[in-house]
Amino acid sequence: PRQLDEICAFLRDGQIAIIPTDTIYGIVCDALEPK
């Protein structure tokens, strides 16, 4: 839960991340953050 909170704090702040998926690693951001 602490890791999830930390990751989501980055995303809510408009930052971008690379995360694992079930295929290729993905570049992601909060889909509601236009910038």
Full PDB file with SEQRES, HELIX, SHEET, SSBOND, CRYST1, ORIGX, SCALE, CONECT and MASTER records, all heavy atoms in Angstrom:
SEQRES   1 A   35  PRO ARG GLN LEU ASP GLU ILE CYS ALA PHE LEU ARG ASP          
SEQRES   2 A   35  GLY GLN ILE ALA ILE ILE PRO THR ASP THR ILE TYR GLY          
SEQRES   3 A   35  ILE VAL CYS ASP ALA LEU GLU PRO LYS                          
HELIX    1 AA1 ARG A    2  ARG A   12  1                                  11    
SHEET    1 AA1 2 ALA A  17  ILE A  19  0                                        
SHEET    2 AA1 2 GLY A  26  VAL A  28 -1                                        
CRYST1    1.000    1.000    1.000  90.00  90.00  90.00 P 1           1          
ORIGX1      1.000000  0.000000  0.000000        0.00000                         
ORIGX2      0.000000  1.000000  0.000000        0.00000                         
ORIGX3      0.000000  0.000000  1.000000        0.00000                         
SCALE1      1.000000  0.000000  0.000000        0.00000                         
SCALE2      0.000000  1.000000  0.000000        0.00000                         
SCALE3      0.000000  0.000000  1.000000        0.00000                         
ATOM      1  N   PRO A   1       0.812  -1.217   0.000  1.00  0.00           N  
ATOM      2  CA  PRO A   1       0.000   0.000   0.000  1.00  0.00           C  
ATOM      3  C   PRO A   1       0.847   1.270   0.000  1.00  0.00           C  
ATOM      4  O   PRO A   1       0.512   2.258  -0.660  1.00  0.00           O  
ATOM      5  CB  PRO A   1      -0.829  -0.133   1.280  1.00  0.00           C  
ATOM      6  CG  PRO A   1      -0.948  -1.610   1.498  1.00  0.00           C  
ATOM      7  CD  PRO A   1       0.369  -2.175   1.050  1.00  0.00           C  
ATOM      8  N   ARG A   2       1.960   1.266   0.745  1.00  0.00           N  
ATOM      9  CA  ARG A   2       2.841   2.434   0.780  1.00  0.00           C  
ATOM     10  C   ARG A   2       3.452   2.707  -0.588  1.00  0.00           C  
ATOM     11  O   ARG A   2       3.531   3.859  -1.036  1.00  0.00           O  
ATOM     12  CB  ARG A   2       3.952   2.231   1.818  1.00  0.00           C  
ATOM     13  CG  ARG A   2       4.876   3.436   1.964  1.00  0.00           C  
ATOM     14  CD  ARG A   2       6.024   3.137   2.908  1.00  0.00           C  
ATOM     15  NE  ARG A   2       6.828   2.015   2.465  1.00  0.00           N  
ATOM     16  CZ  ARG A   2       7.754   2.098   1.492  1.00  0.00           C  
ATOM     17  NH1 ARG A   2       7.962   3.242   0.873  1.00  0.00           N  
ATOM     18  NH2 ARG A   2       8.447   1.032   1.157  1.00  0.00           N  
ATOM     19  N   GLN A   3       3.880   1.644  -1.279  1.00  0.00           N  
ATOM     20  CA  GLN A   3       4.443   1.816  -2.626  1.00  0.00           C  
ATOM     21  C   GLN A   3       3.385   2.357  -3.592  1.00  0.00           C  
ATOM     22  O   GLN A   3       3.668   3.241  -4.402  1.00  0.00           O  
ATOM     23  CB  GLN A   3       5.001   0.490  -3.139  1.00  0.00           C  
ATOM     24  CG  GLN A   3       6.291   0.064  -2.459  1.00  0.00           C  
ATOM     25  CD  GLN A   3       6.756  -1.305  -2.925  1.00  0.00           C  
ATOM     26  OE1 GLN A   3       5.954  -2.234  -3.073  1.00  0.00           O  
ATOM     27  NE2 GLN A   3       8.057  -1.437  -3.164  1.00  0.00           N  
ATOM     28  N   LEU A   4       2.176   1.838  -3.498  1.00  0.00           N  
ATOM     29  CA  LEU A   4       1.099   2.311  -4.378  1.00  0.00           C  
ATOM     30  C   LEU A   4       0.804   3.783  -4.123  1.00  0.00           C  
ATOM     31  O   LEU A   4       0.608   4.564  -5.066  1.00  0.00           O  
ATOM     32  CB  LEU A   4      -0.158   1.466  -4.177  1.00  0.00           C  
ATOM     33  CG  LEU A   4      -0.080   0.020  -4.689  1.00  0.00           C  
ATOM     34  CD1 LEU A   4      -1.290  -0.773  -4.206  1.00  0.00           C  
ATOM     35  CD2 LEU A   4      -0.011  -0.017  -6.216  1.00  0.00           C  
ATOM     36  N   ASP A   5       0.784   4.179  -2.850  1.00  0.00           N  
ATOM     37  CA  ASP A   5       0.556   5.587  -2.519  1.00  0.00           C  
ATOM     38  C   ASP A   5       1.655   6.469  -3.094  1.00  0.00           C  
ATOM     39  O   ASP A   5       1.389   7.555  -3.614  1.00  0.00           O  
ATOM     40  CB  ASP A   5       0.484   5.771  -0.999  1.00  0.00           C  
ATOM     41  CG  ASP A   5      -0.821   5.263  -0.398  1.00  0.00           C  
ATOM     42  OD1 ASP A   5      -1.794   5.108  -1.161  1.00  0.00           O  
ATOM     43  OD2 ASP A   5      -0.856   5.027   0.822  1.00  0.00           O  
ATOM     44  N   GLU A   6       2.891   5.991  -3.015  1.00  0.00           N  
ATOM     45  CA  GLU A   6       4.028   6.765  -3.519  1.00  0.00           C  
ATOM     46  C   GLU A   6       3.953   6.910  -5.038  1.00  0.00           C  
ATOM     47  O   GLU A   6       4.152   7.998  -5.583  1.00  0.00           O  
ATOM     48  CB  GLU A   6       5.334   6.075  -3.108  1.00  0.00           C  
ATOM     49  CG  GLU A   6       6.571   6.917  -3.335  1.00  0.00           C  
ATOM     50  CD  GLU A   6       7.832   6.265  -2.795  1.00  0.00           C  
ATOM     51  OE1 GLU A   6       7.729   5.244  -2.079  1.00  0.00           O  
ATOM     52  OE2 GLU A   6       8.930   6.781  -3.102  1.00  0.00           O  
ATOM     53  N   ILE A   7       3.644   5.811  -5.726  1.00  0.00           N  
ATOM     54  CA  ILE A   7       3.531   5.848  -7.190  1.00  0.00           C  
ATOM     55  C   ILE A   7       2.413   6.798  -7.604  1.00  0.00           C  
ATOM     56  O   ILE A   7       2.578   7.634  -8.498  1.00  0.00           O  
ATOM     57  CB  ILE A   7       3.270   4.430  -7.744  1.00  0.00           C  
ATOM     58  CG1 ILE A   7       4.492   3.529  -7.515  1.00  0.00           C  
ATOM     59  CG2 ILE A   7       2.926   4.484  -9.237  1.00  0.00           C  
ATOM     60  CD1 ILE A   7       4.209   2.043  -7.700  1.00  0.00           C  
ATOM     61  N   CYS A   8       1.263   6.683  -6.947  1.00  0.00           N  
ATOM     62  CA  CYS A   8       0.114   7.525  -7.309  1.00  0.00           C  
ATOM     63  C   CYS A   8       0.380   8.995  -7.010  1.00  0.00           C  
ATOM     64  O   CYS A   8      -0.119   9.873  -7.728  1.00  0.00           O  
ATOM     65  CB  CYS A   8      -1.145   7.038  -6.596  1.00  0.00           C  
ATOM     66  SG  CYS A   8      -1.754   5.457  -7.245  1.00  0.00           S  
ATOM     67  N   ALA A   9       1.170   9.282  -5.990  1.00  0.00           N  
ATOM     68  CA  ALA A   9       1.522  10.673  -5.697  1.00  0.00           C  
ATOM     69  C   ALA A   9       2.326  11.263  -6.849  1.00  0.00           C  
ATOM     70  O   ALA A   9       2.099  12.412  -7.248  1.00  0.00           O  
ATOM     71  CB  ALA A   9       2.303  10.756  -4.387  1.00  0.00           C  
ATOM     72  N   PHE A  10       3.267  10.503  -7.391  1.00  0.00           N  
ATOM     73  CA  PHE A  10       4.016  10.951  -8.566  1.00  0.00           C  
ATOM     74  C   PHE A  10       3.063  11.231  -9.729  1.00  0.00           C  
ATOM     75  O   PHE A  10       3.148  12.264 -10.396  1.00  0.00           O  
ATOM     76  CB  PHE A  10       5.024   9.881  -8.996  1.00  0.00           C  
ATOM     77  CG  PHE A  10       6.347   9.953  -8.296  1.00  0.00           C  
ATOM     78  CD1 PHE A  10       6.625   9.131  -7.218  1.00  0.00           C  
ATOM     79  CD2 PHE A  10       7.329  10.838  -8.721  1.00  0.00           C  
ATOM     80  CE1 PHE A  10       7.847   9.182  -6.567  1.00  0.00           C  
ATOM     81  CE2 PHE A  10       8.560  10.899  -8.090  1.00  0.00           C  
ATOM     82  CZ  PHE A  10       8.823  10.078  -7.008  1.00  0.00           C  
ATOM     83  N   LEU A  11       2.151  10.292  -9.983  1.00  0.00           N  
ATOM     84  CA  LEU A  11       1.261  10.411 -11.139  1.00  0.00           C  
ATOM     85  C   LEU A  11       0.292  11.577 -10.985  1.00  0.00           C  
ATOM     86  O   LEU A  11       0.046  12.324 -11.942  1.00  0.00           O  
ATOM     87  CB  LEU A  11       0.505   9.099 -11.340  1.00  0.00           C  
ATOM     88  CG  LEU A  11       1.387   7.885 -11.688  1.00  0.00           C  
ATOM     89  CD1 LEU A  11       0.590   6.596 -11.609  1.00  0.00           C  
ATOM     90  CD2 LEU A  11       2.008   8.042 -13.071  1.00  0.00           C  
ATOM     91  N   ARG A  12      -0.259  11.757  -9.776  1.00  0.00           N  
ATOM     92  CA  ARG A  12      -1.190  12.874  -9.554  1.00  0.00           C  
ATOM     93  C   ARG A  12      -0.491  14.222  -9.693  1.00  0.00           C  
ATOM     94  O   ARG A  12      -1.130  15.225  -9.974  1.00  0.00           O  
ATOM     95  CB  ARG A  12      -1.829  12.756  -8.172  1.00  0.00           C  
ATOM     96  CG  ARG A  12      -2.824  11.611  -8.040  1.00  0.00           C  
ATOM     97  CD  ARG A  12      -3.629  11.711  -6.765  1.00  0.00           C  
ATOM     98  NE  ARG A  12      -4.502  10.558  -6.605  1.00  0.00           N  
ATOM     99  CZ  ARG A  12      -4.242   9.527  -5.809  1.00  0.00           C  
ATOM    100  NH1 ARG A  12      -3.131   9.525  -5.087  1.00  0.00           N  
ATOM    101  NH2 ARG A  12      -5.077   8.512  -5.723  1.00  0.00           N  
ATOM    102  N   ASP A  13       0.819  14.208  -9.508  1.00  0.00           N  
ATOM    103  CA  ASP A  13       1.610  15.428  -9.632  1.00  0.00           C  
ATOM    104  C   ASP A  13       1.962  15.725 -11.101  1.00  0.00           C  
ATOM    105  O   ASP A  13       2.723  16.647 -11.374  1.00  0.00           O  
ATOM    106  CB  ASP A  13       2.885  15.291  -8.793  1.00  0.00           C  
ATOM    107  CG  ASP A  13       3.591  16.620  -8.571  1.00  0.00           C  
ATOM    108  OD1 ASP A  13       2.895  17.639  -8.365  1.00  0.00           O  
ATOM    109  OD2 ASP A  13       4.831  16.653  -8.621  1.00  0.00           O  
ATOM    110  N   GLY A  14       1.411  14.936 -12.014  1.00  0.00           N  
ATOM    111  CA  GLY A  14       1.645  15.173 -13.440  1.00  0.00           C  
ATOM    112  C   GLY A  14       2.937  14.587 -13.961  1.00  0.00           C  
ATOM    113  O   GLY A  14       3.382  14.928 -15.069  1.00  0.00           O  
ATOM    114  N   GLN A  15       3.548  13.683 -13.189  1.00  0.00           N  
ATOM    115  CA  GLN A  15       4.800  13.084 -13.626  1.00  0.00           C  
ATOM    116  C   GLN A  15       4.540  11.816 -14.435  1.00  0.00           C  
ATOM    117  O   GLN A  15       3.429  11.281 -14.427  1.00  0.00           O  
ATOM    118  CB  GLN A  15       5.685  12.802 -12.408  1.00  0.00           C  
ATOM    119  CG  GLN A  15       5.976  14.082 -11.619  1.00  0.00           C  
ATOM    120  CD  GLN A  15       7.092  13.923 -10.622  1.00  0.00           C  
ATOM    121  OE1 GLN A  15       8.188  13.529 -10.963  1.00  0.00           O  
ATOM    122  NE2 GLN A  15       6.807  14.238  -9.367  1.00  0.00           N  
ATOM    123  N   ILE A  16       5.577  11.379 -15.148  1.00  0.00           N  
ATOM    124  CA  ILE A  16       5.424  10.174 -15.980  1.00  0.00           C  
ATOM    125  C   ILE A  16       6.335   9.077 -15.464  1.00  0.00           C  
ATOM    126  O   ILE A  16       7.384   9.332 -14.866  1.00  0.00           O  
ATOM    127  CB  ILE A  16       5.660  10.455 -17.482  1.00  0.00           C  
ATOM    128  CG1 ILE A  16       7.085  10.926 -17.752  1.00  0.00           C  
ATOM    129  CG2 ILE A  16       4.650  11.475 -17.977  1.00  0.00           C  
ATOM    130  CD1 ILE A  16       7.364  11.128 -19.247  1.00  0.00           C  
ATOM    131  N   ALA A  17       5.907   7.840 -15.675  1.00  0.00           N  
ATOM    132  CA  ALA A  17       6.597   6.687 -15.095  1.00  0.00           C  
ATOM    133  C   ALA A  17       6.701   5.571 -16.120  1.00  0.00           C  
ATOM    134  O   ALA A  17       5.969   5.533 -17.112  1.00  0.00           O  
ATOM    135  CB  ALA A  17       5.837   6.201 -13.857  1.00  0.00           C  
ATOM    136  N   ILE A  18       7.619   4.663 -15.858  1.00  0.00           N  
ATOM    137  CA  ILE A  18       7.687   3.397 -16.592  1.00  0.00           C  
ATOM    138  C   ILE A  18       7.289   2.306 -15.610  1.00  0.00           C  
ATOM    139  O   ILE A  18       7.801   2.244 -14.492  1.00  0.00           O  
ATOM    140  CB  ILE A  18       9.100   3.144 -17.155  1.00  0.00           C  
ATOM    141  CG1 ILE A  18       9.423   4.175 -18.241  1.00  0.00           C  
ATOM    142  CG2 ILE A  18       9.213   1.729 -17.712  1.00  0.00           C  
ATOM    143  CD1 ILE A  18      10.827   4.075 -18.802  1.00  0.00           C  
ATOM    144  N   ILE A  19       6.342   1.449 -16.035  1.00  0.00           N  
ATOM    145  CA  ILE A  19       5.851   0.391 -15.150  1.00  0.00           C  
ATOM    146  C   ILE A  19       5.827  -0.941 -15.893  1.00  0.00           C  
ATOM    147  O   ILE A  19       5.770  -0.981 -17.127  1.00  0.00           O  
ATOM    148  CB  ILE A  19       4.438   0.706 -14.603  1.00  0.00           C  
ATOM    149  CG1 ILE A  19       3.386   0.652 -15.732  1.00  0.00           C  
ATOM    150  CG2 ILE A  19       4.395   2.050 -13.884  1.00  0.00           C  
ATOM    151  CD1 ILE A  19       1.947   0.657 -15.232  1.00  0.00           C  
ATOM    152  N   PRO A  20       5.868  -2.040 -15.143  1.00  0.00           N  
ATOM    153  CA  PRO A  20       5.723  -3.355 -15.792  1.00  0.00           C  
ATOM    154  C   PRO A  20       4.286  -3.578 -16.247  1.00  0.00           C  
ATOM    155  O   PRO A  20       3.343  -2.998 -15.687  1.00  0.00           O  
ATOM    156  CB  PRO A  20       6.105  -4.337 -14.681  1.00  0.00           C  
ATOM    157  CG  PRO A  20       5.819  -3.608 -13.404  1.00  0.00           C  
ATOM    158  CD  PRO A  20       6.055  -2.152 -13.689  1.00  0.00           C  
ATOM    159  N   THR A  21       4.132  -4.384 -17.293  1.00  0.00           N  
ATOM    160  CA  THR A  21       2.812  -4.851 -17.715  1.00  0.00           C  
ATOM    161  C   THR A  21       2.945  -6.353 -17.966  1.00  0.00           C  
ATOM    162  O   THR A  21       3.948  -6.953 -17.583  1.00  0.00           O  
ATOM    163  CB  THR A  21       2.317  -4.143 -18.992  1.00  0.00           C  
ATOM    164  OG1 THR A  21       3.052  -4.620 -20.121  1.00  0.00           O  
ATOM    165  CG2 THR A  21       2.463  -2.628 -18.897  1.00  0.00           C  
ATOM    166  N   ASP A  22       1.970  -6.953 -18.619  1.00  0.00           N  
ATOM    167  CA  ASP A  22       2.095  -8.371 -18.969  1.00  0.00           C  
ATOM    168  C   ASP A  22       2.751  -8.543 -20.336  1.00  0.00           C  
ATOM    169  O   ASP A  22       2.894  -9.666 -20.828  1.00  0.00           O  
ATOM    170  CB  ASP A  22       0.737  -9.070 -18.929  1.00  0.00           C  
ATOM    171  CG  ASP A  22      -0.307  -8.374 -19.773  1.00  0.00           C  
ATOM    172  OD1 ASP A  22      -0.014  -7.296 -20.333  1.00  0.00           O  
ATOM    173  OD2 ASP A  22      -1.435  -8.901 -19.876  1.00  0.00           O  
ATOM    174  N   THR A  23       3.154  -7.417 -20.968  1.00  0.00           N  
ATOM    175  CA  THR A  23       3.879  -7.488 -22.235  1.00  0.00           C  
ATOM    176  C   THR A  23       5.130  -6.621 -22.086  1.00  0.00           C  
ATOM    177  O   THR A  23       5.938  -6.848 -21.215  1.00  0.00           O  
ATOM    178  CB  THR A  23       2.997  -7.035 -23.418  1.00  0.00           C  
ATOM    179  OG1 THR A  23       2.518  -5.693 -23.167  1.00  0.00           O  
ATOM    180  CG2 THR A  23       1.800  -7.954 -23.601  1.00  0.00           C  
ATOM    181  N   ILE A  24       5.284  -5.615 -22.942  1.00  0.00           N  
ATOM    182  CA  ILE A  24       6.422  -4.705 -22.880  1.00  0.00           C  
ATOM    183  C   ILE A  24       6.196  -3.695 -21.753  1.00  0.00           C  
ATOM    184  O   ILE A  24       5.060  -3.286 -21.501  1.00  0.00           O  
ATOM    185  CB  ILE A  24       6.573  -3.986 -24.240  1.00  0.00           C  
ATOM    186  CG1 ILE A  24       6.770  -5.020 -25.357  1.00  0.00           C  
ATOM    187  CG2 ILE A  24       7.726  -3.001 -24.228  1.00  0.00           C  
ATOM    188  CD1 ILE A  24       6.673  -4.426 -26.760  1.00  0.00           C  
ATOM    189  N   TYR A  25       7.280  -3.301 -21.093  1.00  0.00           N  
ATOM    190  CA  TYR A  25       7.150  -2.238 -20.092  1.00  0.00           C  
ATOM    191  C   TYR A  25       6.489  -1.015 -20.741  1.00  0.00           C  
ATOM    192  O   TYR A  25       6.711  -0.720 -21.920  1.00  0.00           O  
ATOM    193  CB  TYR A  25       8.525  -1.836 -19.560  1.00  0.00           C  
ATOM    194  CG  TYR A  25       8.921  -2.550 -18.283  1.00  0.00           C  
ATOM    195  CD1 TYR A  25       9.302  -3.896 -18.295  1.00  0.00           C  
ATOM    196  CD2 TYR A  25       8.930  -1.884 -17.059  1.00  0.00           C  
ATOM    197  CE1 TYR A  25       9.673  -4.551 -17.124  1.00  0.00           C  
ATOM    198  CE2 TYR A  25       9.300  -2.524 -15.885  1.00  0.00           C  
ATOM    199  CZ  TYR A  25       9.669  -3.860 -15.925  1.00  0.00           C  
ATOM    200  OH  TYR A  25      10.026  -4.503 -14.757  1.00  0.00           O  
ATOM    201  N   GLY A  26       5.663  -0.308 -19.974  1.00  0.00           N  
ATOM    202  CA  GLY A  26       4.911   0.818 -20.514  1.00  0.00           C  
ATOM    203  C   GLY A  26       5.320   2.151 -19.906  1.00  0.00           C  
ATOM    204  O   GLY A  26       5.673   2.222 -18.723  1.00  0.00           O  
ATOM    205  N   ILE A  27       5.288   3.190 -20.736  1.00  0.00           N  
ATOM    206  CA  ILE A  27       5.426   4.563 -20.245  1.00  0.00           C  
ATOM    207  C   ILE A  27       4.015   5.034 -19.937  1.00  0.00           C  
ATOM    208  O   ILE A  27       3.133   4.971 -20.804  1.00  0.00           O  
ATOM    209  CB  ILE A  27       6.069   5.481 -21.301  1.00  0.00           C  
ATOM    210  CG1 ILE A  27       7.403   4.903 -21.773  1.00  0.00           C  
ATOM    211  CG2 ILE A  27       6.279   6.888 -20.732  1.00  0.00           C  
ATOM    212  CD1 ILE A  27       7.977   5.627 -22.981  1.00  0.00           C  
ATOM    213  N   VAL A  28       3.781   5.503 -18.719  1.00  0.00           N  
ATOM    214  CA  VAL A  28       2.417   5.827 -18.300  1.00  0.00           C  
ATOM    215  C   VAL A  28       2.354   7.181 -17.608  1.00  0.00           C  
ATOM    216  O   VAL A  28       3.353   7.707 -17.118  1.00  0.00           O  
ATOM    217  CB  VAL A  28       1.841   4.751 -17.348  1.00  0.00           C  
ATOM    218  CG1 VAL A  28       1.865   3.372 -17.984  1.00  0.00           C  
ATOM    219  CG2 VAL A  28       2.566   4.743 -16.007  1.00  0.00           C  
ATOM    220  N   CYS A  29       1.137   7.706 -17.570  1.00  0.00           N  
ATOM    221  CA  CYS A  29       0.840   8.875 -16.749  1.00  0.00           C  
ATOM    222  C   CYS A  29      -0.629   8.793 -16.363  1.00  0.00           C  
ATOM    223  O   CYS A  29      -1.377   7.947 -16.871  1.00  0.00           O  
ATOM    224  CB  CYS A  29       1.138  10.182 -17.493  1.00  0.00           C  
ATOM    225  SG  CYS A  29      -0.007  10.555 -18.850  1.00  0.00           S  
ATOM    226  N   ASP A  30      -1.025   9.668 -15.466  1.00  0.00           N  
ATOM    227  CA  ASP A  30      -2.437   9.808 -15.100  1.00  0.00           C  
ATOM    228  C   ASP A  30      -3.195  10.242 -16.352  1.00  0.00           C  
ATOM    229  O   ASP A  30      -2.893  11.275 -16.947  1.00  0.00           O  
ATOM    230  CB  ASP A  30      -2.542  10.865 -13.999  1.00  0.00           C  
ATOM    231  CG  ASP A  30      -3.953  11.047 -13.467  1.00  0.00           C  
ATOM    232  OD1 ASP A  30      -4.914  10.789 -14.206  1.00  0.00           O  
ATOM    233  OD2 ASP A  30      -4.091  11.485 -12.314  1.00  0.00           O  
ATOM    234  N   ALA A  31      -4.166   9.439 -16.773  1.00  0.00           N  
ATOM    235  CA  ALA A  31      -4.885   9.724 -18.023  1.00  0.00           C  
ATOM    236  C   ALA A  31      -5.756  10.967 -17.937  1.00  0.00           C  
ATOM    237  O   ALA A  31      -6.280  11.418 -18.952  1.00  0.00           O  
ATOM    238  CB  ALA A  31      -5.744   8.525 -18.430  1.00  0.00           C  
ATOM    239  N   LEU A  32      -5.893  11.535 -16.735  1.00  0.00           N  
ATOM    240  CA  LEU A  32      -6.680  12.758 -16.584  1.00  0.00           C  
ATOM    241  C   LEU A  32      -5.791  14.000 -16.428  1.00  0.00           C  
ATOM    242  O   LEU A  32      -6.280  15.068 -16.073  1.00  0.00           O  
ATOM    243  CB  LEU A  32      -7.635  12.633 -15.393  1.00  0.00           C  
ATOM    244  CG  LEU A  32      -8.610  11.447 -15.429  1.00  0.00           C  
ATOM    245  CD1 LEU A  32      -9.618  11.557 -14.289  1.00  0.00           C  
ATOM    246  CD2 LEU A  32      -9.332  11.332 -16.766  1.00  0.00           C  
ATOM    247  N   GLU A  33      -4.492  13.840 -16.690  1.00  0.00           N  
ATOM    248  CA  GLU A  33      -3.543  14.952 -16.588  1.00  0.00           C  
ATOM    249  C   GLU A  33      -3.066  15.340 -17.994  1.00  0.00           C  
ATOM    250  O   GLU A  33      -2.124  14.741 -18.522  1.00  0.00           O  
ATOM    251  CB  GLU A  33      -2.340  14.560 -15.716  1.00  0.00           C  
ATOM    252  CG  GLU A  33      -2.632  14.519 -14.232  1.00  0.00           C  
ATOM    253  CD  GLU A  33      -2.813  15.913 -13.646  1.00  0.00           C  
ATOM    254  OE1 GLU A  33      -2.329  16.895 -14.238  1.00  0.00           O  
ATOM    255  OE2 GLU A  33      -3.447  16.011 -12.579  1.00  0.00           O  
ATOM    256  N   PRO A  34      -3.698  16.337 -18.631  1.00  0.00           N  
ATOM    257  CA  PRO A  34      -3.370  16.683 -20.020  1.00  0.00           C  
ATOM    258  C   PRO A  34      -1.901  17.010 -20.256  1.00  0.00           C  
ATOM    259  O   PRO A  34      -1.329  16.611 -21.275  1.00  0.00           O  
ATOM    260  CB  PRO A  34      -4.256  17.900 -20.305  1.00  0.00           C  
ATOM    261  CG  PRO A  34      -5.388  17.786 -19.338  1.00  0.00           C  
ATOM    262  CD  PRO A  34      -4.806  17.158 -18.116  1.00  0.00           C  
ATOM    263  N   LYS A  35      -1.256  17.722 -19.328  1.00  0.00           N  
ATOM    264  CA  LYS A  35       0.143  18.100 -19.541  1.00  0.00           C  
ATOM    265  C   LYS A  35       1.056  16.874 -19.526  1.00  0.00           C  
ATOM    266  O   LYS A  35       2.045  16.816 -20.269  1.00  0.00           O  
ATOM    267  CB  LYS A  35       0.588  19.124 -18.496  1.00  0.00           C  
ATOM    268  CG  LYS A  35      -0.051  20.489 -18.702  1.00  0.00           C  
ATOM    269  CD  LYS A  35       0.488  21.516 -17.718  1.00  0.00           C  
ATOM    270  CE  LYS A  35      -0.136  22.887 -17.982  1.00  0.00           C  
ATOM    271  NZ  LYS A  35       0.341  23.905 -17.008  1.00  0.00           N  
TER     272      LYS A  35                                                      
MASTER        0    0    0    1    2    0    0    6  271    1    0    3          
END                                                                             
